[in-house]
Amino acid sequence: MRNAFLAGPLALGAPVLLAPVLLASASPVAAQNVSVDVRVDRLEKEMRAVQRKVFPAGAPLEAEITRPAAPAVVPGSPSSTPVADLTARVNALESQLASITGQVEENGFKLKQLEEAFNRYKAEQESRAAPVVVPPATRPADPAPAATRPSTPKPAAATGASEDRKTAVAAIERPSTGNEADDAYTYGFRLWGAKFYPEAQTQLKSTVDKFGTSSVASKAANLLGRAYLDDGKPALASVAFYENYQKRPKGDRAADSLAYLGEALIQLKKPADACKVYAELEQVYGGSLSASLRGMMDKGRARAKCSA
């Protein structure tokens, strides 16, 4: 009876005595669950922030998260609980997130350095390419005294050469026969014959512009092309020759302009076009070509390697 009596109260009181023990053992587990949930929420927020920074205009890539290797279980030790396993995975997530954040910051720093270097290079190139604007010279109302006025003497050699050329050009006689168109062409011809090519170009161009419908225009336009050609300007010469042939196909120098156009194209390294010009020269003016123009055409065909 005594043993039974003693067993009764203990049996009845067992739940009461075990409740605090169970509550005490459950409290750390619940606390761990709350702590893990908070860390997971924080990790998700930080991961979204990193993804917005790395992928501002596109869909983020799914992170490859490796589950940590399960530690070896020592015989006799308690097995890992789900909470402990989840905590280990959260620790791994935090470590990987910290590594990604560091890489993002490092890449951003390098990108900023590259942008700054490129901007410096761009500004340097633009400053080199910018044209130098020279302000127009203004004449002061009251000139400075000779003692204080800066002197900028011109090179004596260049000044002397320029003056000599002006004197030589002025020595070319201007004809005055009463025929204004013929006189203008003759003066241009004399300048060209004296090898004053720039002055001849100006005079002949003015003659063509002013007397373009007269009979002298064909000769003036053809000689303008030759003045360009002799001055080392085959591109301008080709334009002058072609326009003379197109506008005045029956002019005195139309055939000459075609022949010299072929020469200009050869100098421009366009032999195929030169061959076409020579073919047209033969077709249009073959029966009336002078011996000199035919000889010029034959030599040009040989240089351009035109087919027979």
Protein backbone atom coordinates (compact mmCIF):
# COMPACT_ATOMS: atom_id res chain seq x y z
CA MET A 1 0.00 0.00 0.00
CA ARG A 2 2.78 2.40 0.90
CA ASN A 3 4.50 1.88 -2.41
CA ALA A 4 1.25 2.22 -4.26
CA PHE A 5 0.40 5.35 -2.29
CA LEU A 6 3.73 6.87 -3.08
CA ALA A 7 3.45 5.93 -6.73
CA GLY A 8 0.05 7.56 -7.03
CA PRO A 9 0.96 11.16 -6.24
CA LEU A 10 4.11 10.96 -8.31
CA ALA A 11 2.19 9.63 -11.27
CA LEU A 12 -0.46 12.28 -10.92
CA GLY A 13 2.10 15.08 -10.51
CA ALA A 14 4.37 14.03 -13.35
CA PRO A 15 2.78 16.29 -15.99
CA VAL A 16 2.97 19.25 -13.68
CA LEU A 17 6.66 18.68 -12.96
CA LEU A 18 7.58 17.97 -16.65
CA ALA A 19 5.81 21.03 -18.14
CA PRO A 20 8.47 23.57 -17.07
CA VAL A 21 11.18 21.24 -18.32
CA LEU A 22 9.52 20.92 -21.76
CA LEU A 23 8.96 24.66 -21.96
CA ALA A 24 12.57 25.33 -21.07
CA SER A 25 13.83 22.94 -23.72
CA ALA A 26 11.47 24.36 -26.37
CA SER A 27 12.38 28.03 -25.76
CA PRO A 28 15.88 27.89 -27.42
CA VAL A 29 14.41 26.13 -30.46
CA ALA A 30 11.72 28.78 -30.88
CA ALA A 31 14.28 31.53 -30.36
CA GLN A 32 16.54 29.97 -32.98
CA ASN A 33 13.62 29.77 -35.43
CA VAL A 34 12.85 33.48 -34.92
CA SER A 35 16.51 34.41 -35.32
CA VAL A 36 16.86 32.38 -38.53
CA ASP A 37 13.69 33.91 -39.98
CA VAL A 38 15.01 37.41 -39.33
CA ARG A 39 18.35 36.59 -40.95
CA VAL A 40 16.63 35.03 -43.98
CA ASP A 41 14.43 38.11 -44.43
CA ARG A 42 17.46 40.35 -44.19
CA LEU A 43 19.37 38.20 -46.67
CA GLU A 44 16.50 38.34 -49.17
CA LYS A 45 16.36 42.15 -48.94
CA GLU A 46 20.12 42.50 -49.37
CA MET A 47 20.15 40.05 -52.29
CA ARG A 48 17.40 42.04 -54.06
CA ALA A 49 19.38 45.24 -53.52
CA VAL A 50 22.49 43.65 -55.02
CA GLN A 51 20.50 42.35 -57.98
CA ARG A 52 19.03 45.82 -58.65
CA LYS A 53 22.54 47.26 -58.68
CA VAL A 54 24.08 44.56 -60.87
CA PHE A 55 21.07 44.10 -63.21
CA PRO A 56 19.39 47.54 -63.36
CA ALA A 57 17.68 46.88 -66.72
CA GLY A 58 17.36 43.13 -66.95
CA ALA A 59 16.23 40.02 -65.18
CA PRO A 60 18.65 38.95 -62.43
CA LEU A 61 20.35 35.63 -62.62
CA GLU A 62 19.47 33.02 -60.10
CA ALA A 63 22.18 32.68 -57.53
CA GLU A 64 23.82 29.31 -57.27
CA ILE A 65 23.86 28.54 -53.59
CA THR A 66 25.76 25.50 -52.52
CA ARG A 67 24.50 23.64 -49.53
CA PRO A 68 27.28 23.26 -47.00
CA ALA A 69 28.65 19.80 -46.59
CA ALA A 70 27.14 17.97 -43.67
CA PRO A 71 29.66 17.52 -40.87
CA ALA A 72 30.69 14.04 -39.99
CA VAL A 73 28.63 12.62 -37.15
CA VAL A 74 30.69 11.30 -34.31
CA PRO A 75 29.24 8.10 -32.86
CA GLY A 76 27.42 8.78 -29.65
CA SER A 77 26.81 12.48 -30.44
CA PRO A 78 23.32 13.78 -31.17
CA SER A 79 22.36 14.11 -34.86
CA SER A 80 21.99 17.54 -36.51
CA THR A 81 18.59 19.16 -36.02
CA PRO A 82 16.65 20.88 -38.85
CA VAL A 83 17.21 24.22 -37.17
CA ALA A 84 20.96 23.70 -37.00
CA ASP A 85 21.05 22.63 -40.66
CA LEU A 86 19.06 25.73 -41.72
CA THR A 87 21.35 27.95 -39.66
CA ALA A 88 24.38 26.53 -41.43
CA ARG A 89 22.80 27.24 -44.82
CA VAL A 90 21.96 30.81 -43.76
CA ASN A 91 25.58 31.26 -42.69
CA ALA A 92 26.69 30.13 -46.14
CA LEU A 93 24.25 32.56 -47.75
CA GLU A 94 25.58 35.44 -45.70
CA SER A 95 29.15 34.56 -46.66
CA GLN A 96 28.33 34.39 -50.38
CA LEU A 97 26.33 37.62 -50.23
CA ALA A 98 29.25 39.41 -48.60
CA SER A 99 31.55 38.13 -51.35
CA ILE A 100 29.16 39.27 -54.13
CA THR A 101 28.75 42.69 -52.53
CA GLY A 102 32.51 43.11 -52.40
CA GLN A 103 32.89 42.18 -56.05
CA VAL A 104 30.13 44.63 -57.08
CA GLU A 105 31.79 47.46 -55.19
CA GLU A 106 35.20 46.63 -56.71
CA ASN A 107 33.75 46.48 -60.25
CA GLY A 108 31.95 49.77 -59.73
CA PHE A 109 35.19 51.41 -58.61
CA LYS A 110 37.06 50.08 -61.66
CA LEU A 111 34.27 51.23 -63.99
CA LYS A 112 34.38 54.70 -62.51
CA GLN A 113 38.14 54.84 -63.07
CA LEU A 114 37.68 53.80 -66.71
CA GLU A 115 35.01 56.45 -67.27
CA GLU A 116 37.22 59.15 -65.78
CA ALA A 117 40.18 58.09 -67.92
CA PHE A 118 38.03 58.06 -71.07
CA ASN A 119 36.59 61.49 -70.31
CA ARG A 120 40.11 62.88 -69.87
CA TYR A 121 41.20 61.32 -73.18
CA LYS A 122 38.11 62.66 -74.98
CA ALA A 123 38.65 66.18 -73.65
CA GLU A 124 42.30 66.06 -74.69
CA GLN A 125 41.44 64.96 -78.23
CA GLU A 126 38.72 67.59 -78.59
CA SER A 127 41.09 70.31 -77.43
CA ARG A 128 43.64 69.20 -80.03
CA ALA A 129 41.08 69.03 -82.83
CA ALA A 130 39.41 72.34 -81.97
CA PRO A 131 40.15 74.96 -84.62
CA VAL A 132 42.12 77.94 -83.51
CA VAL A 133 39.92 81.00 -83.81
CA VAL A 134 41.95 84.05 -84.71
CA PRO A 135 40.15 87.25 -83.76
CA PRO A 136 39.87 89.81 -86.56
CA ALA A 137 42.53 92.42 -86.50
CA THR A 138 41.29 95.81 -85.38
CA ARG A 139 43.06 99.01 -86.14
CA PRO A 140 43.41 101.21 -83.06
CA ALA A 141 42.07 104.73 -83.28
CA ASP A 142 45.25 106.19 -81.85
CA PRO A 143 48.36 104.30 -82.90
CA ALA A 144 50.87 103.62 -80.15
CA PRO A 145 54.14 105.51 -80.22
CA ALA A 146 56.92 103.93 -82.23
CA ALA A 147 58.93 103.29 -79.10
CA THR A 148 56.20 101.18 -77.47
CA ARG A 149 54.49 99.65 -80.54
CA PRO A 150 55.51 95.98 -80.96
CA SER A 151 57.33 95.30 -84.17
CA THR A 152 56.56 92.17 -86.19
CA PRO A 153 58.87 92.28 -89.19
CA LYS A 154 58.06 89.94 -92.05
CA PRO A 155 60.70 87.53 -93.28
CA ALA A 156 62.88 89.41 -95.72
CA ALA A 157 63.21 86.47 -98.12
CA ALA A 158 59.47 85.85 -98.38
CA THR A 159 58.70 89.53 -98.76
CA GLY A 160 61.35 89.92 -101.40
CA ALA A 161 60.11 86.90 -103.37
CA SER A 162 56.51 88.15 -103.24
CA GLU A 163 57.50 91.60 -104.41
CA ASP A 164 59.61 90.15 -107.21
CA ARG A 165 56.68 88.03 -108.39
CA LYS A 166 54.33 90.98 -108.37
CA THR A 167 56.81 92.94 -110.40
CA ALA A 168 57.19 90.11 -112.89
CA VAL A 169 53.41 89.65 -113.25
CA ALA A 170 52.95 93.37 -113.70
CA ALA A 171 55.47 93.22 -116.53
CA ILE A 172 53.15 90.94 -118.55
CA GLU A 173 51.59 93.20 -121.13
CA ARG A 174 47.81 93.45 -121.20
CA PRO A 175 46.54 93.53 -124.77
CA SER A 176 44.21 96.31 -125.79
CA THR A 177 42.82 95.59 -129.24
CA GLY A 178 39.30 96.69 -128.55
CA ASN A 179 37.98 93.11 -128.48
CA GLU A 180 37.43 92.62 -124.78
CA ALA A 181 36.90 88.83 -124.92
CA ASP A 182 39.98 88.19 -127.06
CA ASP A 183 42.10 90.54 -124.95
CA ALA A 184 41.03 88.73 -121.73
CA TYR A 185 41.97 85.33 -123.20
CA THR A 186 45.25 86.60 -124.62
CA TYR A 187 46.30 88.03 -121.28
CA GLY A 188 45.52 84.70 -119.58
CA PHE A 189 47.51 82.92 -122.28
CA ARG A 190 50.49 85.18 -121.67
CA LEU A 191 50.35 84.56 -117.91
CA TRP A 192 50.22 80.81 -118.54
CA GLY A 193 53.11 81.02 -121.01
CA ALA A 194 55.18 82.81 -118.35
CA LYS A 195 54.30 79.99 -115.90
CA PHE A 196 52.40 82.24 -113.56
CA TYR A 197 49.84 79.49 -113.16
CA PRO A 198 47.75 80.81 -110.21
CA GLU A 199 47.41 84.22 -111.87
CA ALA A 200 46.58 82.56 -115.20
CA GLN A 201 43.90 80.43 -113.53
CA THR A 202 42.24 83.52 -112.06
CA GLN A 203 42.33 85.40 -115.37
CA LEU A 204 41.08 82.48 -117.49
CA LYS A 205 38.30 81.57 -115.08
CA SER A 206 37.13 85.17 -115.12
CA THR A 207 37.20 85.09 -118.93
CA VAL A 208 35.08 81.91 -119.08
CA ASP A 209 32.58 83.26 -116.57
CA LYS A 210 32.24 86.60 -118.39
CA PHE A 211 32.39 85.41 -121.99
CA GLY A 212 31.03 81.87 -121.70
CA THR A 213 28.87 82.15 -124.82
CA SER A 214 31.50 83.69 -127.07
CA SER A 215 33.75 81.80 -129.45
CA VAL A 216 36.76 82.44 -127.23
CA ALA A 217 35.21 80.54 -124.28
CA SER A 218 36.27 77.10 -125.60
CA LYS A 219 39.90 78.17 -125.82
CA ALA A 220 39.83 79.90 -122.41
CA ALA A 221 38.20 76.92 -120.65
CA ASN A 222 40.64 74.45 -122.21
CA LEU A 223 43.61 76.61 -121.25
CA LEU A 224 42.20 76.94 -117.72
CA GLY A 225 42.32 73.13 -117.43
CA ARG A 226 45.90 73.09 -118.71
CA ALA A 227 46.89 75.78 -116.17
CA TYR A 228 45.47 73.57 -113.40
CA LEU A 229 47.24 70.51 -114.81
CA ASP A 230 50.59 72.30 -115.08
CA ASP A 231 50.12 73.56 -111.51
CA GLY A 232 49.80 70.00 -110.18
CA LYS A 233 46.01 70.10 -109.73
CA PRO A 234 44.69 67.25 -111.91
CA ALA A 235 41.33 67.07 -110.09
CA LEU A 236 40.47 70.70 -110.89
CA ALA A 237 41.85 70.23 -114.38
CA SER A 238 39.57 67.25 -115.04
CA VAL A 239 36.53 69.32 -114.05
CA ALA A 240 37.52 72.19 -116.34
CA PHE A 241 38.17 69.86 -119.30
CA TYR A 242 34.95 67.90 -118.86
CA GLU A 243 32.79 71.01 -118.51
CA ASN A 244 34.32 72.54 -121.64
CA TYR A 245 33.57 69.40 -123.65
CA GLN A 246 30.03 69.06 -122.27
CA LYS A 247 29.04 72.71 -122.69
CA ARG A 248 30.87 73.38 -125.97
CA PRO A 249 31.15 70.08 -127.91
CA LYS A 250 31.64 72.01 -131.18
CA GLY A 251 34.09 74.53 -129.75
CA ASP A 252 37.60 75.06 -131.06
CA ARG A 253 39.16 73.15 -128.14
CA ALA A 254 36.55 70.47 -127.41
CA ALA A 255 38.73 67.65 -128.78
CA ASP A 256 41.76 69.06 -126.97
CA SER A 257 39.82 69.04 -123.69
CA LEU A 258 38.95 65.34 -124.13
CA ALA A 259 42.57 64.45 -124.84
CA TYR A 260 43.81 66.38 -121.80
CA LEU A 261 40.98 64.97 -119.70
CA GLY A 262 42.43 61.51 -120.34
CA GLU A 263 45.83 62.77 -119.14
CA ALA A 264 44.29 64.24 -115.98
CA LEU A 265 42.52 60.95 -115.20
CA ILE A 266 45.77 59.02 -115.62
CA GLN A 267 47.41 61.34 -113.11
CA LEU A 268 44.47 60.73 -110.77
CA LYS A 269 45.16 56.97 -111.11
CA LYS A 270 41.90 56.25 -112.94
CA PRO A 271 43.12 54.44 -116.06
CA ALA A 272 39.78 52.74 -116.77
CA ASP A 273 38.04 56.13 -116.95
CA ALA A 274 40.84 57.49 -119.11
CA CYS A 275 40.31 54.63 -121.56
CA LYS A 276 36.61 55.54 -121.82
CA VAL A 277 37.54 59.15 -122.56
CA TYR A 278 39.97 58.11 -125.29
CA ALA A 279 37.31 55.85 -126.82
CA GLU A 280 34.86 58.75 -126.95
CA LEU A 281 37.55 61.03 -128.39
CA GLU A 282 38.14 58.54 -131.18
CA GLN A 283 34.43 58.05 -131.82
CA VAL A 284 33.47 61.75 -131.87
CA TYR A 285 36.55 63.45 -133.30
CA GLY A 286 38.60 60.61 -134.81
CA GLY A 287 38.32 61.84 -138.36
CA SER A 288 39.39 65.40 -137.54
CA LEU A 289 42.09 64.81 -134.92
CA SER A 290 45.36 66.60 -135.47
CA ALA A 291 48.57 64.59 -135.52
CA SER A 292 49.59 65.98 -132.14
CA LEU A 293 46.29 65.07 -130.46
CA ARG A 294 46.31 61.57 -132.00
CA GLY A 295 49.86 61.02 -130.81
CA MET A 296 48.84 62.21 -127.35
CA MET A 297 45.86 59.85 -127.35
CA ASP A 298 47.97 56.86 -128.44
CA LYS A 299 50.52 57.48 -125.70
CA GLY A 300 47.75 57.88 -123.15
CA ARG A 301 46.16 54.59 -124.18
CA ALA A 302 49.47 52.82 -123.79
CA ARG A 303 50.02 54.30 -120.30
CA ALA A 304 46.48 53.42 -119.23
CA LYS A 305 46.82 49.94 -120.79
CA CYS A 306 43.63 50.32 -122.76
CA SER A 307 42.46 47.34 -124.75
CA ALA A 308 42.50 47.70 -128.53
